[in-house]
């Protein structure tokens, strides 16, 4: 998750592998996922 001021939080299972960011001007949020594992499989919302 990410707040409007840029504060972030992560699930323990993705800490250090995933990075959330946002471009407020574009009303867009991103999730960079690295070192993916089979247990990361799922529908992402």
ModelCIF file with pLDDT and N, C-alpha, C, O atoms, coordinates in Angstrom:
data_MODEL
#
_entry.id   MODEL 
#
_entity.id                         1 
_entity.type                       polymer 
_entity.pdbx_number_of_molecules   1 
#
_entity_poly.entity_id                      1 
_entity_poly.type                           'polypeptide(L)' 
_entity_poly.nstd_linkage                   no 
_entity_poly.nstd_monomer                   no 
_entity_poly.pdbx_seq_one_letter_code       
;(UNK)(UNK)(UNK)(UNK)(UNK)(UNK)(UNK)(UNK)(UNK)(UNK)(UNK)(UNK)(UNK)(UNK)(UNK)(UNK)
(UNK)(UNK)(UNK)(UNK)(UNK)(UNK)(UNK)(UNK)(UNK)(UNK)(UNK)(UNK)(UNK)(UNK)(UNK)(UNK)
(UNK)(UNK)(UNK)(UNK)(UNK)(UNK)(UNK)(UNK)(UNK)(UNK)(UNK)(UNK)(UNK)
;
_entity_poly.pdbx_seq_one_letter_code_can   XXXXXXXXXXXXXXXXXXXXXXXXXXXXXXXXXXXXXXXXXXXXX 
_entity_poly.pdbx_strand_id                 A 
#
loop_
_entity_poly_seq.entity_id 
_entity_poly_seq.num 
_entity_poly_seq.mon_id 
_entity_poly_seq.hetero 
1 1  UNK n 
1 2  UNK n 
1 3  UNK n 
1 4  UNK n 
1 5  UNK n 
1 6  UNK n 
1 7  UNK n 
1 8  UNK n 
1 9  UNK n 
1 10 UNK n 
1 11 UNK n 
1 12 UNK n 
1 13 UNK n 
1 14 UNK n 
1 15 UNK n 
1 16 UNK n 
1 17 UNK n 
1 18 UNK n 
1 19 UNK n 
1 20 UNK n 
1 21 UNK n 
1 22 UNK n 
1 23 UNK n 
1 24 UNK n 
1 25 UNK n 
1 26 UNK n 
1 27 UNK n 
1 28 UNK n 
1 29 UNK n 
1 30 UNK n 
1 31 UNK n 
1 32 UNK n 
1 33 UNK n 
1 34 UNK n 
1 35 UNK n 
1 36 UNK n 
1 37 UNK n 
1 38 UNK n 
1 39 UNK n 
1 40 UNK n 
1 41 UNK n 
1 42 UNK n 
1 43 UNK n 
1 44 UNK n 
1 45 UNK n 
#
_struct_asym.id          A 
_struct_asym.entity_id   1 
#
loop_
_ma_qa_metric.id 
_ma_qa_metric.mode 
_ma_qa_metric.name 
_ma_qa_metric.software_group_id 
_ma_qa_metric.type 
1 global pLDDT . pLDDT 
2 local  pLDDT . pLDDT 
#
_ma_qa_metric_global.metric_id      1 
_ma_qa_metric_global.metric_value   96.40 
_ma_qa_metric_global.model_id       1 
_ma_qa_metric_global.ordinal_id     1 
#
loop_
_ma_qa_metric_local.label_asym_id 
_ma_qa_metric_local.label_comp_id 
_ma_qa_metric_local.label_seq_id 
_ma_qa_metric_local.metric_id 
_ma_qa_metric_local.metric_value 
_ma_qa_metric_local.model_id 
_ma_qa_metric_local.ordinal_id 
A UNK 1  2 98.00 1 1  
A UNK 2  2 97.00 1 2  
A UNK 3  2 95.00 1 3  
A UNK 4  2 90.00 1 4  
A UNK 5  2 91.00 1 5  
A UNK 6  2 93.00 1 6  
A UNK 7  2 97.00 1 7  
A UNK 8  2 98.00 1 8  
A UNK 9  2 98.00 1 9  
A UNK 10 2 98.00 1 10 
A UNK 11 2 98.00 1 11 
A UNK 12 2 98.00 1 12 
A UNK 13 2 97.00 1 13 
A UNK 14 2 98.00 1 14 
A UNK 15 2 97.00 1 15 
A UNK 16 2 98.00 1 16 
A UNK 17 2 98.00 1 17 
A UNK 18 2 98.00 1 18 
A UNK 19 2 98.00 1 19 
A UNK 20 2 98.00 1 20 
A UNK 21 2 98.00 1 21 
A UNK 22 2 96.00 1 22 
A UNK 23 2 94.00 1 23 
A UNK 24 2 87.00 1 24 
A UNK 25 2 90.00 1 25 
A UNK 26 2 94.00 1 26 
A UNK 27 2 95.00 1 27 
A UNK 28 2 96.00 1 28 
A UNK 29 2 97.00 1 29 
A UNK 30 2 98.00 1 30 
A UNK 31 2 98.00 1 31 
A UNK 32 2 98.00 1 32 
A UNK 33 2 98.00 1 33 
A UNK 34 2 98.00 1 34 
A UNK 35 2 98.00 1 35 
A UNK 36 2 98.00 1 36 
A UNK 37 2 97.00 1 37 
A UNK 38 2 96.00 1 38 
A UNK 39 2 95.00 1 39 
A UNK 40 2 97.00 1 40 
A UNK 41 2 97.00 1 41 
A UNK 42 2 97.00 1 42 
A UNK 43 2 97.00 1 43 
A UNK 44 2 98.00 1 44 
A UNK 45 2 98.00 1 45 
#
loop_
_atom_site.group_PDB 
_atom_site.id 
_atom_site.type_symbol 
_atom_site.label_atom_id 
_atom_site.label_alt_id 
_atom_site.label_comp_id 
_atom_site.label_asym_id 
_atom_site.label_entity_id 
_atom_site.label_seq_id 
_atom_site.pdbx_PDB_ins_code 
_atom_site.Cartn_x 
_atom_site.Cartn_y 
_atom_site.Cartn_z 
_atom_site.occupancy 
_atom_site.B_iso_or_equiv 
_atom_site.pdbx_formal_charge 
_atom_site.auth_seq_id 
_atom_site.auth_comp_id 
_atom_site.auth_asym_id 
_atom_site.auth_atom_id 
_atom_site.pdbx_PDB_model_num 
ATOM 1   N N  . UNK A 1 1  ? 0.817  -1.190  0.000   1.00 98.00 ? 1  UNK A N  1 
ATOM 2   C CA . UNK A 1 1  ? 0.000  0.000   0.000   1.00 98.00 ? 1  UNK A CA 1 
ATOM 3   C C  . UNK A 1 1  ? 0.854  1.244   0.000   1.00 98.00 ? 1  UNK A C  1 
ATOM 4   O O  . UNK A 1 1  ? 2.016  1.218   0.407   1.00 98.00 ? 1  UNK A O  1 
ATOM 5   N N  . UNK A 1 2  ? 0.269  2.336   -0.461  1.00 97.00 ? 2  UNK A N  1 
ATOM 6   C CA . UNK A 1 2  ? 0.981  3.607   -0.495  1.00 97.00 ? 2  UNK A CA 1 
ATOM 7   C C  . UNK A 1 2  ? -0.007 4.732   -0.252  1.00 97.00 ? 2  UNK A C  1 
ATOM 8   O O  . UNK A 1 2  ? -1.088 4.760   -0.841  1.00 97.00 ? 2  UNK A O  1 
ATOM 9   N N  . UNK A 1 3  ? 0.367  5.655   0.616   1.00 95.00 ? 3  UNK A N  1 
ATOM 10  C CA . UNK A 1 3  ? -0.466 6.807   0.898   1.00 95.00 ? 3  UNK A CA 1 
ATOM 11  C C  . UNK A 1 3  ? -0.190 7.913   -0.105  1.00 95.00 ? 3  UNK A C  1 
ATOM 12  O O  . UNK A 1 3  ? 0.731  7.822   -0.917  1.00 95.00 ? 3  UNK A O  1 
ATOM 13  N N  . UNK A 1 4  ? -0.998 8.950   -0.037  1.00 90.00 ? 4  UNK A N  1 
ATOM 14  C CA . UNK A 1 4  ? -0.810 10.052  -0.958  1.00 90.00 ? 4  UNK A CA 1 
ATOM 15  C C  . UNK A 1 4  ? 0.538  10.733  -0.754  1.00 90.00 ? 4  UNK A C  1 
ATOM 16  O O  . UNK A 1 4  ? 1.122  11.243  -1.710  1.00 90.00 ? 4  UNK A O  1 
ATOM 17  N N  . UNK A 1 5  ? 1.037  10.748  0.479   1.00 91.00 ? 5  UNK A N  1 
ATOM 18  C CA . UNK A 1 5  ? 2.323  11.394  0.743   1.00 91.00 ? 5  UNK A CA 1 
ATOM 19  C C  . UNK A 1 5  ? 3.515  10.471  0.503   1.00 91.00 ? 5  UNK A C  1 
ATOM 20  O O  . UNK A 1 5  ? 4.659  10.865  0.730   1.00 91.00 ? 5  UNK A O  1 
ATOM 21  N N  . UNK A 1 6  ? 3.254  9.242   0.045   1.00 93.00 ? 6  UNK A N  1 
ATOM 22  C CA . UNK A 1 6  ? 4.338  8.360   -0.344  1.00 93.00 ? 6  UNK A CA 1 
ATOM 23  C C  . UNK A 1 6  ? 4.753  7.319   0.670   1.00 93.00 ? 6  UNK A C  1 
ATOM 24  O O  . UNK A 1 6  ? 5.669  6.543   0.397   1.00 93.00 ? 6  UNK A O  1 
ATOM 25  N N  . UNK A 1 7  ? 4.123  7.269   1.824   1.00 97.00 ? 7  UNK A N  1 
ATOM 26  C CA . UNK A 1 7  ? 4.435  6.230   2.795   1.00 97.00 ? 7  UNK A CA 1 
ATOM 27  C C  . UNK A 1 7  ? 3.990  4.873   2.268   1.00 97.00 ? 7  UNK A C  1 
ATOM 28  O O  . UNK A 1 7  ? 2.908  4.751   1.693   1.00 97.00 ? 7  UNK A O  1 
ATOM 29  N N  . UNK A 1 8  ? 4.820  3.858   2.461   1.00 98.00 ? 8  UNK A N  1 
ATOM 30  C CA . UNK A 1 8  ? 4.535  2.534   1.912   1.00 98.00 ? 8  UNK A CA 1 
ATOM 31  C C  . UNK A 1 8  ? 4.523  1.471   2.991   1.00 98.00 ? 8  UNK A C  1 
ATOM 32  O O  . UNK A 1 8  ? 5.107  1.639   4.061   1.00 98.00 ? 8  UNK A O  1 
ATOM 33  N N  . UNK A 1 9  ? 3.845  0.374   2.690   1.00 98.00 ? 9  UNK A N  1 
ATOM 34  C CA . UNK A 1 9  ? 3.871  -0.800  3.535   1.00 98.00 ? 9  UNK A CA 1 
ATOM 35  C C  . UNK A 1 9  ? 3.780  -2.035  2.659   1.00 98.00 ? 9  UNK A C  1 
ATOM 36  O O  . UNK A 1 9  ? 3.215  -1.991  1.567   1.00 98.00 ? 9  UNK A O  1 
ATOM 37  N N  . UNK A 1 10 ? 4.346  -3.152  3.149   1.00 98.00 ? 10 UNK A N  1 
ATOM 38  C CA . UNK A 1 10 ? 4.418  -4.382  2.385   1.00 98.00 ? 10 UNK A CA 1 
ATOM 39  C C  . UNK A 1 10 ? 4.092  -5.575  3.259   1.00 98.00 ? 10 UNK A C  1 
ATOM 40  O O  . UNK A 1 10 ? 4.362  -5.582  4.459   1.00 98.00 ? 10 UNK A O  1 
ATOM 41  N N  . UNK A 1 11 ? 3.507  -6.581  2.634   1.00 98.00 ? 11 UNK A N  1 
ATOM 42  C CA . UNK A 1 11 ? 3.368  -7.852  3.304   1.00 98.00 ? 11 UNK A CA 1 
ATOM 43  C C  . UNK A 1 11 ? 4.748  -8.455  3.529   1.00 98.00 ? 11 UNK A C  1 
ATOM 44  O O  . UNK A 1 11 ? 5.654  -8.262  2.718   1.00 98.00 ? 11 UNK A O  1 
ATOM 45  N N  . UNK A 1 12 ? 4.908  -9.185  4.630   1.00 98.00 ? 12 UNK A N  1 
ATOM 46  C CA . UNK A 1 12 ? 6.200  -9.795  4.924   1.00 98.00 ? 12 UNK A CA 1 
ATOM 47  C C  . UNK A 1 12 ? 6.686  -10.685 3.779   1.00 98.00 ? 12 UNK A C  1 
ATOM 48  O O  . UNK A 1 12 ? 7.886  -10.765 3.516   1.00 98.00 ? 12 UNK A O  1 
ATOM 49  N N  . UNK A 1 13 ? 5.764  -11.341 3.111   1.00 97.00 ? 13 UNK A N  1 
ATOM 50  C CA . UNK A 1 13 ? 6.119  -12.297 2.073   1.00 97.00 ? 13 UNK A CA 1 
ATOM 51  C C  . UNK A 1 13 ? 6.722  -11.651 0.832   1.00 97.00 ? 13 UNK A C  1 
ATOM 52  O O  . UNK A 1 13 ? 7.362  -12.335 0.033   1.00 97.00 ? 13 UNK A O  1 
ATOM 53  N N  . UNK A 1 14 ? 6.529  -10.344 0.658   1.00 98.00 ? 14 UNK A N  1 
ATOM 54  C CA . UNK A 1 14 ? 7.055  -9.662  -0.527  1.00 98.00 ? 14 UNK A CA 1 
ATOM 55  C C  . UNK A 1 14 ? 8.086  -8.607  -0.182  1.00 98.00 ? 14 UNK A C  1 
ATOM 56  O O  . UNK A 1 14 ? 8.671  -8.000  -1.080  1.00 98.00 ? 14 UNK A O  1 
ATOM 57  N N  . UNK A 1 15 ? 8.318  -8.379  1.085   1.00 97.00 ? 15 UNK A N  1 
ATOM 58  C CA . UNK A 1 15 ? 9.279  -7.367  1.522   1.00 97.00 ? 15 UNK A CA 1 
ATOM 59  C C  . UNK A 1 15 ? 10.645 -7.613  0.899   1.00 97.00 ? 15 UNK A C  1 
ATOM 60  O O  . UNK A 1 15 ? 11.173 -8.724  0.954   1.00 97.00 ? 15 UNK A O  1 
ATOM 61  N N  . UNK A 1 16 ? 11.209 -6.576  0.309   1.00 98.00 ? 16 UNK A N  1 
ATOM 62  C CA . UNK A 1 16 ? 12.510 -6.675  -0.316  1.00 98.00 ? 16 UNK A CA 1 
ATOM 63  C C  . UNK A 1 16 ? 12.482 -7.128  -1.753  1.00 98.00 ? 16 UNK A C  1 
ATOM 64  O O  . UNK A 1 16 ? 13.492 -7.028  -2.449  1.00 98.00 ? 16 UNK A O  1 
ATOM 65  N N  . UNK A 1 17 ? 11.341 -7.628  -2.221  1.00 98.00 ? 17 UNK A N  1 
ATOM 66  C CA . UNK A 1 17 ? 11.213 -8.092  -3.604  1.00 98.00 ? 17 UNK A CA 1 
ATOM 67  C C  . UNK A 1 17 ? 10.292 -7.215  -4.434  1.00 98.00 ? 17 UNK A C  1 
ATOM 68  O O  . UNK A 1 17 ? 10.514 -7.031  -5.631  1.00 98.00 ? 17 UNK A O  1 
ATOM 69  N N  . UNK A 1 18 ? 9.260  -6.672  -3.800  1.00 98.00 ? 18 UNK A N  1 
ATOM 70  C CA . UNK A 1 18 ? 8.283  -5.842  -4.493  1.00 98.00 ? 18 UNK A CA 1 
ATOM 71  C C  . UNK A 1 18 ? 8.457  -4.385  -4.080  1.00 98.00 ? 18 UNK A C  1 
ATOM 72  O O  . UNK A 1 18 ? 8.864  -4.095  -2.955  1.00 98.00 ? 18 UNK A O  1 
ATOM 73  N N  . UNK A 1 19 ? 8.147  -3.475  -4.995  1.00 98.00 ? 19 UNK A N  1 
ATOM 74  C CA . UNK A 1 19 ? 8.177  -2.056  -4.717  1.00 98.00 ? 19 UNK A CA 1 
ATOM 75  C C  . UNK A 1 19 ? 6.919  -1.406  -5.263  1.00 98.00 ? 19 UNK A C  1 
ATOM 76  O O  . UNK A 1 19 ? 6.605  -1.538  -6.446  1.00 98.00 ? 19 UNK A O  1 
ATOM 77  N N  . UNK A 1 20 ? 6.201  -0.705  -4.399  1.00 98.00 ? 20 UNK A N  1 
ATOM 78  C CA . UNK A 1 20 ? 5.020  0.032   -4.828  1.00 98.00 ? 20 UNK A CA 1 
ATOM 79  C C  . UNK A 1 20 ? 5.396  1.499   -4.992  1.00 98.00 ? 20 UNK A C  1 
ATOM 80  O O  . UNK A 1 20 ? 6.184  2.039   -4.215  1.00 98.00 ? 20 UNK A O  1 
ATOM 81  N N  . UNK A 1 21 ? 4.834  2.128   -5.994  1.00 98.00 ? 21 UNK A N  1 
ATOM 82  C CA . UNK A 1 21 ? 5.064  3.546   -6.226  1.00 98.00 ? 21 UNK A CA 1 
ATOM 83  C C  . UNK A 1 21 ? 3.818  4.147   -6.867  1.00 98.00 ? 21 UNK A C  1 
ATOM 84  O O  . UNK A 1 21 ? 2.919  3.424   -7.296  1.00 98.00 ? 21 UNK A O  1 
ATOM 85  N N  . UNK A 1 22 ? 3.775  5.460   -6.927  1.00 96.00 ? 22 UNK A N  1 
ATOM 86  C CA . UNK A 1 22 ? 2.625  6.109   -7.547  1.00 96.00 ? 22 UNK A CA 1 
ATOM 87  C C  . UNK A 1 22 ? 3.040  7.394   -8.228  1.00 96.00 ? 22 UNK A C  1 
ATOM 88  O O  . UNK A 1 22 ? 4.023  8.035   -7.857  1.00 96.00 ? 22 UNK A O  1 
ATOM 89  N N  . UNK A 1 23 ? 2.276  7.746   -9.217  1.00 94.00 ? 23 UNK A N  1 
ATOM 90  C CA . UNK A 1 23 ? 2.407  9.025   -9.890  1.00 94.00 ? 23 UNK A CA 1 
ATOM 91  C C  . UNK A 1 23 ? 1.075  9.724   -9.692  1.00 94.00 ? 23 UNK A C  1 
ATOM 92  O O  . UNK A 1 23 ? 0.112  9.466   -10.414 1.00 94.00 ? 23 UNK A O  1 
ATOM 93  N N  . UNK A 1 24 ? 1.028  10.600  -8.719  1.00 87.00 ? 24 UNK A N  1 
ATOM 94  C CA . UNK A 1 24 ? -0.229 11.235  -8.348  1.00 87.00 ? 24 UNK A CA 1 
ATOM 95  C C  . UNK A 1 24 ? -0.817 12.043  -9.501  1.00 87.00 ? 24 UNK A C  1 
ATOM 96  O O  . UNK A 1 24 ? -2.032 12.050  -9.702  1.00 87.00 ? 24 UNK A O  1 
ATOM 97  N N  . UNK A 1 25 ? 0.038  12.720  -10.253 1.00 90.00 ? 25 UNK A N  1 
ATOM 98  C CA . UNK A 1 25 ? -0.428 13.520  -11.381 1.00 90.00 ? 25 UNK A CA 1 
ATOM 99  C C  . UNK A 1 25 ? -1.107 12.667  -12.444 1.00 90.00 ? 25 UNK A C  1 
ATOM 100 O O  . UNK A 1 25 ? -2.010 13.137  -13.136 1.00 90.00 ? 25 UNK A O  1 
ATOM 101 N N  . UNK A 1 26 ? -0.677 11.410  -12.577 1.00 94.00 ? 26 UNK A N  1 
ATOM 102 C CA . UNK A 1 26 ? -1.250 10.499  -13.566 1.00 94.00 ? 26 UNK A CA 1 
ATOM 103 C C  . UNK A 1 26 ? -2.324 9.586   -12.977 1.00 94.00 ? 26 UNK A C  1 
ATOM 104 O O  . UNK A 1 26 ? -2.884 8.749   -13.685 1.00 94.00 ? 26 UNK A O  1 
ATOM 105 N N  . UNK A 1 27 ? -2.611 9.743   -11.694 1.00 95.00 ? 27 UNK A N  1 
ATOM 106 C CA . UNK A 1 27 ? -3.593 8.894   -11.008 1.00 95.00 ? 27 UNK A CA 1 
ATOM 107 C C  . UNK A 1 27 ? -3.263 7.413   -11.182 1.00 95.00 ? 27 UNK A C  1 
ATOM 108 O O  . UNK A 1 27 ? -4.151 6.592   -11.410 1.00 95.00 ? 27 UNK A O  1 
ATOM 109 N N  . UNK A 1 28 ? -1.992 7.089   -11.074 1.00 96.00 ? 28 UNK A N  1 
ATOM 110 C CA . UNK A 1 28 ? -1.525 5.744   -11.377 1.00 96.00 ? 28 UNK A CA 1 
ATOM 111 C C  . UNK A 1 28 ? -0.671 5.189   -10.240 1.00 96.00 ? 28 UNK A C  1 
ATOM 112 O O  . UNK A 1 28 ? 0.123  5.910   -9.636  1.00 96.00 ? 28 UNK A O  1 
ATOM 113 N N  . UNK A 1 29 ? -0.843 3.904   -9.961  1.00 97.00 ? 29 UNK A N  1 
ATOM 114 C CA . UNK A 1 29 ? -0.029 3.195   -8.990  1.00 97.00 ? 29 UNK A CA 1 
ATOM 115 C C  . UNK A 1 29 ? 0.649  2.028   -9.699  1.00 97.00 ? 29 UNK A C  1 
ATOM 116 O O  . UNK A 1 29 ? 0.078  1.427   -10.610 1.00 97.00 ? 29 UNK A O  1 
ATOM 117 N N  . UNK A 1 30 ? 1.875  1.711   -9.272  1.00 98.00 ? 30 UNK A N  1 
ATOM 118 C CA . UNK A 1 30 ? 2.663  0.662   -9.889  1.00 98.00 ? 30 UNK A CA 1 
ATOM 119 C C  . UNK A 1 30 ? 3.095  -0.362  -8.842  1.00 98.00 ? 30 UNK A C  1 
ATOM 120 O O  . UNK A 1 30 ? 3.188  -0.058  -7.653  1.00 98.00 ? 30 UNK A O  1 
ATOM 121 N N  . UNK A 1 31 ? 3.352  -1.557  -9.303  1.00 98.00 ? 31 UNK A N  1 
ATOM 122 C CA . UNK A 1 31 ? 3.940  -2.584  -8.454  1.00 98.00 ? 31 UNK A CA 1 
ATOM 123 C C  . UNK A 1 31 ? 5.039  -3.277  -9.239  1.00 98.00 ? 31 UNK A C  1 
ATOM 124 O O  . UNK A 1 31 ? 4.766  -4.036  -10.169 1.00 98.00 ? 31 UNK A O  1 
ATOM 125 N N  . UNK A 1 32 ? 6.277  -3.013  -8.865  1.00 98.00 ? 32 UNK A N  1 
ATOM 126 C CA . UNK A 1 32 ? 7.425  -3.691  -9.458  1.00 98.00 ? 32 UNK A CA 1 
ATOM 127 C C  . UNK A 1 32 ? 7.677  -4.968  -8.672  1.00 98.00 ? 32 UNK A C  1 
ATOM 128 O O  . UNK A 1 32 ? 7.921  -4.920  -7.466  1.00 98.00 ? 32 UNK A O  1 
ATOM 129 N N  . UNK A 1 33 ? 7.619  -6.098  -9.344  1.00 98.00 ? 33 UNK A N  1 
ATOM 130 C CA . UNK A 1 33 ? 7.762  -7.393  -8.706  1.00 98.00 ? 33 UNK A CA 1 
ATOM 131 C C  . UNK A 1 33 ? 9.015  -8.079  -9.238  1.00 98.00 ? 33 UNK A C  1 
ATOM 132 O O  . UNK A 1 33 ? 9.107  -8.388  -10.426 1.00 98.00 ? 33 UNK A O  1 
ATOM 133 N N  . UNK A 1 34 ? 9.972  -8.312  -8.356  1.00 98.00 ? 34 UNK A N  1 
ATOM 134 C CA . UNK A 1 34 ? 11.219 -8.969  -8.708  1.00 98.00 ? 34 UNK A CA 1 
ATOM 135 C C  . UNK A 1 34 ? 11.352 -10.278 -7.947  1.00 98.00 ? 34 UNK A C  1 
ATOM 136 O O  . UNK A 1 34 ? 10.653 -10.515 -6.961  1.00 98.00 ? 34 UNK A O  1 
ATOM 137 N N  . UNK A 1 35 ? 12.259 -11.122 -8.420  1.00 98.00 ? 35 UNK A N  1 
ATOM 138 C CA . UNK A 1 35 ? 12.523 -12.408 -7.773  1.00 98.00 ? 35 UNK A CA 1 
ATOM 139 C C  . UNK A 1 35 ? 11.235 -13.173 -7.498  1.00 98.00 ? 35 UNK A C  1 
ATOM 140 O O  . UNK A 1 35 ? 11.014 -13.661 -6.390  1.00 98.00 ? 35 UNK A O  1 
ATOM 141 N N  . UNK A 1 36 ? 10.403 -13.269 -8.502  1.00 98.00 ? 36 UNK A N  1 
ATOM 142 C CA . UNK A 1 36 ? 9.087  -13.881 -8.329  1.00 98.00 ? 36 UNK A CA 1 
ATOM 143 C C  . UNK A 1 36 ? 9.183  -15.367 -8.010  1.00 98.00 ? 36 UNK A C  1 
ATOM 144 O O  . UNK A 1 36 ? 10.058 -16.076 -8.505  1.00 98.00 ? 36 UNK A O  1 
ATOM 145 N N  . UNK A 1 37 ? 8.269  -15.807 -7.180  1.00 97.00 ? 37 UNK A N  1 
ATOM 146 C CA . UNK A 1 37 ? 8.184  -17.189 -6.733  1.00 97.00 ? 37 UNK A CA 1 
ATOM 147 C C  . UNK A 1 37 ? 6.839  -17.788 -7.118  1.00 97.00 ? 37 UNK A C  1 
ATOM 148 O O  . UNK A 1 37 ? 5.877  -17.046 -7.316  1.00 97.00 ? 37 UNK A O  1 
ATOM 149 N N  . UNK A 1 38 ? 6.748  -19.113 -7.229  1.00 96.00 ? 38 UNK A N  1 
ATOM 150 C CA . UNK A 1 38 ? 5.458  -19.732 -7.540  1.00 96.00 ? 38 UNK A CA 1 
ATOM 151 C C  . UNK A 1 38 ? 4.344  -19.323 -6.579  1.00 96.00 ? 38 UNK A C  1 
ATOM 152 O O  . UNK A 1 38 ? 3.191  -19.196 -6.991  1.00 96.00 ? 38 UNK A O  1 
ATOM 153 N N  . UNK A 1 39 ? 4.668  -19.120 -5.325  1.00 95.00 ? 39 UNK A N  1 
ATOM 154 C CA . UNK A 1 39 ? 3.655  -18.729 -4.357  1.00 95.00 ? 39 UNK A CA 1 
ATOM 155 C C  . UNK A 1 39 ? 3.150  -17.299 -4.544  1.00 95.00 ? 39 UNK A C  1 
ATOM 156 O O  . UNK A 1 39 ? 2.201  -16.887 -3.877  1.00 95.00 ? 39 UNK A O  1 
ATOM 157 N N  . UNK A 1 40 ? 3.774  -16.546 -5.439  1.00 97.00 ? 40 UNK A N  1 
ATOM 158 C CA . UNK A 1 40 ? 3.266  -15.229 -5.795  1.00 97.00 ? 40 UNK A CA 1 
ATOM 159 C C  . UNK A 1 40 ? 2.121  -15.306 -6.797  1.00 97.00 ? 40 UNK A C  1 
ATOM 160 O O  . UNK A 1 40 ? 1.492  -14.291 -7.096  1.00 97.00 ? 40 UNK A O  1 
ATOM 161 N N  . UNK A 1 41 ? 1.847  -16.481 -7.311  1.00 97.00 ? 41 UNK A N  1 
ATOM 162 C CA . UNK A 1 41 ? 0.794  -16.666 -8.301  1.00 97.00 ? 41 UNK A CA 1 
ATOM 163 C C  . UNK A 1 41 ? -0.571 -16.282 -7.736  1.00 97.00 ? 41 UNK A C  1 
ATOM 164 O O  . UNK A 1 41 ? -0.896 -16.621 -6.598  1.00 97.00 ? 41 UNK A O  1 
ATOM 165 N N  . UNK A 1 42 ? -1.362 -15.579 -8.530  1.00 97.00 ? 42 UNK A N  1 
ATOM 166 C CA . UNK A 1 42 ? -2.698 -15.200 -8.130  1.00 97.00 ? 42 UNK A CA 1 
ATOM 167 C C  . UNK A 1 42 ? -3.227 -14.077 -8.996  1.00 97.00 ? 42 UNK A C  1 
ATOM 168 O O  . UNK A 1 42 ? -2.544 -13.589 -9.897  1.00 97.00 ? 42 UNK A O  1 
ATOM 169 N N  . UNK A 1 43 ? -4.442 -13.681 -8.713  1.00 97.00 ? 43 UNK A N  1 
ATOM 170 C CA . UNK A 1 43 ? -5.027 -12.525 -9.370  1.00 97.00 ? 43 UNK A CA 1 
ATOM 171 C C  . UNK A 1 43 ? -4.696 -11.299 -8.536  1.00 97.00 ? 43 UNK A C  1 
ATOM 172 O O  . UNK A 1 43 ? -4.997 -11.249 -7.344  1.00 97.00 ? 43 UNK A O  1 
ATOM 173 N N  . UNK A 1 44 ? -4.085 -10.327 -9.160  1.00 98.00 ? 44 UNK A N  1 
ATOM 174 C CA . UNK A 1 44 ? -3.686 -9.107  -8.481  1.00 98.00 ? 44 UNK A CA 1 
ATOM 175 C C  . UNK A 1 44 ? -4.683 -7.996  -8.775  1.00 98.00 ? 44 UNK A C  1 
ATOM 176 O O  . UNK A 1 44 ? -5.027 -7.739  -9.929  1.00 98.00 ? 44 UNK A O  1 
ATOM 177 N N  . UNK A 1 45 ? -5.136 -7.349  -7.723  1.00 98.00 ? 45 UNK A N  1 
ATOM 178 C CA . UNK A 1 45 ? -6.115 -6.282  -7.818  1.00 98.00 ? 45 UNK A CA 1 
ATOM 179 C C  . UNK A 1 45 ? -5.530 -4.983  -7.283  1.00 98.00 ? 45 UNK A C  1 
ATOM 180 O O  . UNK A 1 45 ? -6.210 -3.956  -7.278  1.00 98.00 ? 45 UNK A O  1 
#
